[in-house]
C-alpha cells in the first residue's frame, strides 16, 4: 500500500508540475494574495474528483474486459516515455520562466469562474488524471486506491505550495534555468515509473 501511494504521489506530481495556464493562474493569485485558499481548494478538489473517477473507471473496465489491464499498462508505459522525452526536450530548449499576469484585483466570483474554466475546460487535465492516472492505478492492484490517494495528495501539496509559497517561489520560478532543472527532474521521474511498470509486466 505504501509503495503504491508513493508511486501515485510522484506520478501525480510529475504530471501537474509542468508549466501551464492553471499553474500560472495559481501563482498569480498567490503573488497578489487574492483568494488563494479558494483557488487552491478548487484546483486540488477538482483533481481529486477526476483522479477518483479515473481509478474507479479503470477498475470497472478491468473487471469487464479481459486484457484491458495489459493494454493500459503498455499504453501507460508508452505515454510516460513520450511525456518524459518531451520534458527533456523542453529542458534542452532552455526552459520557460513562469511569470504571472499583471491585472487589476478581481472579485471572488470572477476568480472562481476563471479557475474552474482553466481546470475543467482543459483537455490535458482529463488525459492526465482520468485516463493516465486511472490506467496506471490498475498496475498497483489490489492497492489501486492507494495509488489514487497518493496522486490526490500530490495535487493538494503542489497547489498549496504554489499558492501559499508563491512569494518565496517567484524569484526561483522566474528563472528559466530553474525550470530546466524541474523539467529534467520530471522527465527522470516519468521514465523511472515507466521502467518499473515495464519490468513488472515482463516479470509477470
Protein backbone atom coordinates (compact mmCIF):
# COMPACT_ATOMS: atom_id res chain seq x y z
CA UNK A 1 0.00 0.00 0.00
CA UNK A 2 2.79 2.43 0.94
CA UNK A 3 4.67 1.72 -2.28
CA UNK A 4 1.59 2.31 -4.43
CA UNK A 5 0.92 5.55 -2.56
CA UNK A 6 4.43 6.82 -3.25
CA UNK A 7 4.09 5.85 -6.92
CA UNK A 8 0.79 7.71 -7.16
CA UNK A 9 2.23 10.75 -5.41
CA UNK A 10 5.22 11.11 -7.71
CA UNK A 11 3.20 10.26 -10.82
CA UNK A 12 0.63 12.91 -9.97
CA UNK A 13 3.28 15.45 -9.00
CA UNK A 14 5.19 14.90 -12.23
CA UNK A 15 2.09 15.46 -14.34
CA UNK A 16 0.79 18.61 -12.65
CA UNK A 17 4.14 20.35 -12.12
CA UNK A 18 4.61 21.21 -15.79
CA UNK A 19 4.19 24.84 -16.81
CA UNK A 20 0.62 25.65 -17.75
CA UNK A 21 -2.10 28.28 -17.63
CA UNK A 22 -3.60 26.81 -14.45
CA UNK A 23 -0.29 26.88 -12.58
CA UNK A 24 0.39 30.42 -13.78
CA UNK A 25 -3.02 31.48 -12.50
CA UNK A 26 -2.45 29.89 -9.08
CA UNK A 27 0.94 31.56 -8.86
CA UNK A 28 -0.55 34.92 -9.82
CA UNK A 29 -3.19 34.67 -7.09
CA UNK A 30 -0.52 33.70 -4.59
CA UNK A 31 1.67 36.63 -5.50
CA UNK A 32 -1.24 39.03 -5.20
CA UNK A 33 -2.61 37.24 -2.10
CA UNK A 34 -6.10 37.24 -3.58
CA UNK A 35 -8.48 34.37 -2.77
CA UNK A 36 -5.55 31.96 -2.52
CA UNK A 37 -7.34 29.41 -0.35
CA UNK A 38 -10.34 29.23 -2.67
CA UNK A 39 -8.15 28.81 -5.75
CA UNK A 40 -6.02 26.10 -4.14
CA UNK A 41 -9.10 24.17 -2.99
CA UNK A 42 -10.80 24.39 -6.39
CA UNK A 43 -7.73 23.04 -8.19
CA UNK A 44 -6.96 20.31 -5.65
CA UNK A 45 -10.56 19.13 -5.15
CA UNK A 46 -11.14 19.09 -8.92
CA UNK A 47 -8.08 16.89 -9.34
CA UNK A 48 -9.30 14.63 -6.53
CA UNK A 49 -12.67 14.16 -8.26
CA UNK A 50 -11.07 13.43 -11.63
CA UNK A 51 -8.48 11.03 -10.21
CA UNK A 52 -11.17 9.15 -8.28
CA UNK A 53 -13.26 8.85 -11.44
CA UNK A 54 -10.23 7.61 -13.33
CA UNK A 55 -9.37 4.95 -10.74
CA UNK A 56 -12.99 3.78 -10.45
CA UNK A 57 -13.46 3.74 -14.23
CA UNK A 58 -10.29 1.78 -14.87
CA UNK A 59 -11.25 -0.72 -12.17
CA UNK A 60 -14.67 -1.26 -13.76
CA UNK A 61 -13.21 -1.69 -17.25
CA UNK A 62 -10.60 -4.14 -15.99
CA UNK A 63 -13.26 -6.32 -14.38
CA UNK A 64 -15.41 -6.19 -17.52
CA UNK A 65 -12.91 -6.57 -20.35
CA UNK A 66 -10.15 -9.16 -20.15
CA UNK A 67 -6.82 -7.85 -21.32
CA UNK A 68 -7.69 -4.22 -20.59
CA UNK A 69 -5.12 -4.01 -17.81
CA UNK A 70 -2.32 -5.24 -20.10
CA UNK A 71 -3.28 -2.79 -22.84
CA UNK A 72 -3.40 0.09 -20.39
CA UNK A 73 -0.12 -0.94 -18.81
CA UNK A 74 1.83 -0.77 -22.06
CA UNK A 75 -0.13 2.27 -23.16
CA UNK A 76 0.84 3.96 -19.91
CA UNK A 77 4.47 2.96 -20.33
CA UNK A 78 4.47 4.42 -23.84
CA UNK A 79 2.85 7.65 -22.70
CA UNK A 80 5.26 8.08 -19.80
CA UNK A 81 8.24 7.55 -22.11
CA UNK A 82 6.93 10.12 -24.57
CA UNK A 83 5.98 12.57 -21.82
CA UNK A 84 9.38 12.21 -20.18
CA UNK A 85 11.03 12.76 -23.56
CA UNK A 86 9.05 15.96 -24.05
CA UNK A 87 10.21 17.21 -20.69
CA UNK A 88 13.84 16.51 -21.63
CA UNK A 89 13.31 18.36 -24.91
CA UNK A 90 11.85 21.33 -23.03
CA UNK A 91 14.92 21.33 -20.79
CA UNK A 92 17.22 21.16 -23.82
CA UNK A 93 15.44 24.17 -25.31
CA UNK A 94 16.29 26.16 -22.23
CA UNK A 95 13.10 26.27 -20.16
CA UNK A 96 10.49 28.98 -19.88
CA UNK A 97 10.03 31.21 -16.87
CA UNK A 98 6.63 31.12 -15.24
CA UNK A 99 5.61 34.78 -14.99
CA UNK A 100 2.18 35.67 -13.56
CA UNK A 101 -0.13 38.05 -15.38
CA UNK A 102 -0.38 41.58 -14.03
CA UNK A 103 -4.02 42.65 -13.85
CA UNK A 104 -6.26 44.63 -11.54
CA UNK A 105 -7.72 42.89 -8.47
CA UNK A 106 -10.63 40.66 -9.45
CA UNK A 107 -13.73 39.82 -7.38
CA UNK A 108 -14.10 36.34 -5.92
CA UNK A 109 -16.81 35.35 -8.42
CA UNK A 110 -14.61 36.09 -11.40
CA UNK A 111 -11.62 34.32 -9.85
CA UNK A 112 -13.71 31.22 -9.19
CA UNK A 113 -15.08 31.15 -12.75
CA UNK A 114 -11.65 31.56 -14.30
CA UNK A 115 -10.18 28.87 -12.06
CA UNK A 116 -12.99 26.43 -12.89
CA UNK A 117 -12.57 27.13 -16.61
CA UNK A 118 -8.80 26.62 -16.52
CA UNK A 119 -9.35 23.34 -14.68
CA UNK A 120 -12.40 21.72 -16.25
CA UNK A 121 -12.10 23.03 -19.82
CA UNK A 122 -8.51 21.86 -20.19
CA UNK A 123 -8.41 18.57 -22.16
CA UNK A 124 -4.97 17.72 -20.76
CA UNK A 125 -6.48 17.53 -17.28
CA UNK A 126 -8.70 14.63 -18.35
CA UNK A 127 -5.84 12.88 -20.13
CA UNK A 128 -3.55 13.15 -17.10
CA UNK A 129 -5.99 12.46 -14.27
CA UNK A 130 -8.78 10.30 -15.65
CA UNK A 131 -7.02 8.39 -18.43
CA UNK A 132 -3.36 8.07 -17.45
CA UNK A 133 -3.52 8.01 -13.64
CA UNK A 134 -6.61 5.81 -13.78
CA UNK A 135 -4.83 3.31 -16.03
CA UNK A 136 -1.62 3.39 -14.00
CA UNK A 137 -3.53 2.77 -10.78
CA UNK A 138 -4.55 -0.69 -12.01
CA UNK A 139 -0.91 -1.73 -12.16
CA UNK A 140 -0.86 -1.49 -8.35
CA UNK A 141 -3.98 -3.60 -7.72
CA UNK A 142 -5.23 -4.50 -5.18
CA UNK A 143 -3.80 -1.24 -3.85
CA UNK A 144 -5.01 0.86 -6.77
CA UNK A 145 -6.85 3.22 -4.43
CA UNK A 146 -3.60 3.73 -2.54
CA UNK A 147 -2.10 4.90 -5.81
CA UNK A 148 -5.07 7.22 -6.34
CA UNK A 149 -4.76 8.60 -2.81
CA UNK A 150 -1.10 9.37 -3.44
CA UNK A 151 -1.94 11.22 -6.66
CA UNK A 152 -4.66 13.21 -4.89
CA UNK A 153 -2.28 14.11 -2.07
CA UNK A 154 0.23 15.33 -4.66
CA UNK A 155 -2.36 17.77 -6.03
CA UNK A 156 -3.11 19.22 -2.60
CA UNK A 157 0.59 19.52 -1.75
CA UNK A 158 1.56 21.07 -5.07
CA UNK A 159 -1.23 23.64 -5.32
CA UNK A 160 -0.88 24.62 -1.66
CA UNK A 161 2.88 25.09 -2.09
CA UNK A 162 2.41 27.05 -5.31
CA UNK A 163 -0.33 29.28 -3.92
CA UNK A 164 0.90 29.94 -0.39
CA UNK A 165 4.59 29.77 -1.23
CA UNK A 166 4.27 31.96 -4.31
CA UNK A 167 6.18 34.91 -2.88
CA UNK A 168 9.04 32.63 -1.89
CA UNK A 169 8.96 30.62 -5.13
CA UNK A 170 8.52 33.57 -7.51
CA UNK A 171 12.20 34.61 -7.71
CA UNK A 172 13.15 31.00 -8.45
CA UNK A 173 10.34 30.24 -10.89
CA UNK A 174 11.10 33.45 -12.79
CA UNK A 175 14.45 31.96 -13.84
CA UNK A 176 14.41 29.74 -16.94
CA UNK A 177 17.31 27.68 -15.53
CA UNK A 178 15.16 26.63 -12.55
CA UNK A 179 12.58 25.23 -14.96
CA UNK A 180 15.33 23.37 -16.83
CA UNK A 181 16.16 21.54 -13.60
CA UNK A 182 12.46 20.94 -12.94
CA UNK A 183 11.85 19.60 -16.45
CA UNK A 184 14.79 17.20 -16.16
CA UNK A 185 13.54 16.01 -12.78
CA UNK A 186 10.05 15.38 -14.13
CA UNK A 187 11.46 13.52 -17.12
CA UNK A 188 13.55 11.27 -14.89
CA UNK A 189 10.55 10.51 -12.66
CA UNK A 190 8.35 9.65 -15.65
CA UNK A 191 10.98 7.35 -17.17
CA UNK A 192 11.67 5.68 -13.83
CA UNK A 193 7.96 4.89 -13.38
CA UNK A 194 7.76 3.62 -16.97
CA UNK A 195 10.75 1.33 -16.40
CA UNK A 196 9.26 -0.01 -13.16
CA UNK A 197 5.94 -0.83 -14.89
CA UNK A 198 7.65 -2.45 -17.86
CA UNK A 199 9.83 -4.64 -15.63
CA UNK A 200 6.79 -5.66 -13.61
CA UNK A 201 4.92 -6.63 -16.77
CA UNK A 202 7.84 -8.64 -18.15
CA UNK A 203 8.32 -10.45 -14.84
CA UNK A 204 4.63 -11.41 -14.60
